[in-house]
Amino acid sequence: MRVLSTNIGNLTPITWNGKELHTGIYKYPTNSALLLEKETVANDAIANRKVHGGIYKACYLFSAKHYPYWEKRYPNLDWNWGMFGENLSISDMDETQIRIGDIYKIGSALVQITQPREPCFKLGIRFGTQQILKEFIDHGFPGMYVRILEEGKVSPEDELKLIKPSDNLLTVYQFFQLLYAKKKDKKLVKLALENMALPENKRVGLKKYS
């Protein structure tokens, strides 16, 4: 796996349900290094820090291997890296293989996989339709957030080097499926509750299914 593109954005005004809001989902390639800080990517816009940024969502990664699928579904969009609001577009990243808690070296930064991305209406704003939310969930490959264990710079072409595999077997794909499943798989719930890399609020939300 390697970084294909580093992406950041500015605050963009939008209208939602008659209200004037801002979003940082419009991200575009920078062709330069990004500084991954403890709770954010330097110089990147975050409109709502209740749901983006912070220790467990400091940087968002999305796999380039999923782009062809979405380009076929939405051929009339102006496609470029950063289309899903990701800071890092990654080659050959596979959510079915990467575990919650895996630790990677990227450039000079050390990061830990924490959780999948859960889509919100702002993704629908960028794609021009809210139907993308259901499609995104059904497709099942959401990309992933990381926490920054060691701050550092990440550049295009930097490799992702697995430093320490998670002790827990829960993959990003499995946890994403678990979040949206009407009937929760108790084995996956148990893995999620035991996974100390997950934010506490995620574990708390699953305790009622254990």
Foldseek 3Di string as FASTA:
>chain_A
DFFAFFKAADWDWDADPNDIFTAGLPIAGDQWKWWQDQFAIPPHDHRDSVQATDQFFHFWEAEPVCVVVVCVVQVPAPDHPSLRVGRTYHYPDDQVQAAQQWWWQAANWIKGWAAFDQDDCVNCVSSVHPVVNVVQLVVQGGTTGIGTPDIDMHHGGTDIGGDDGFPQPHTNSNVSCQVPDPQHDVVNLVSVLPRPSYPPVSNVVSPVND
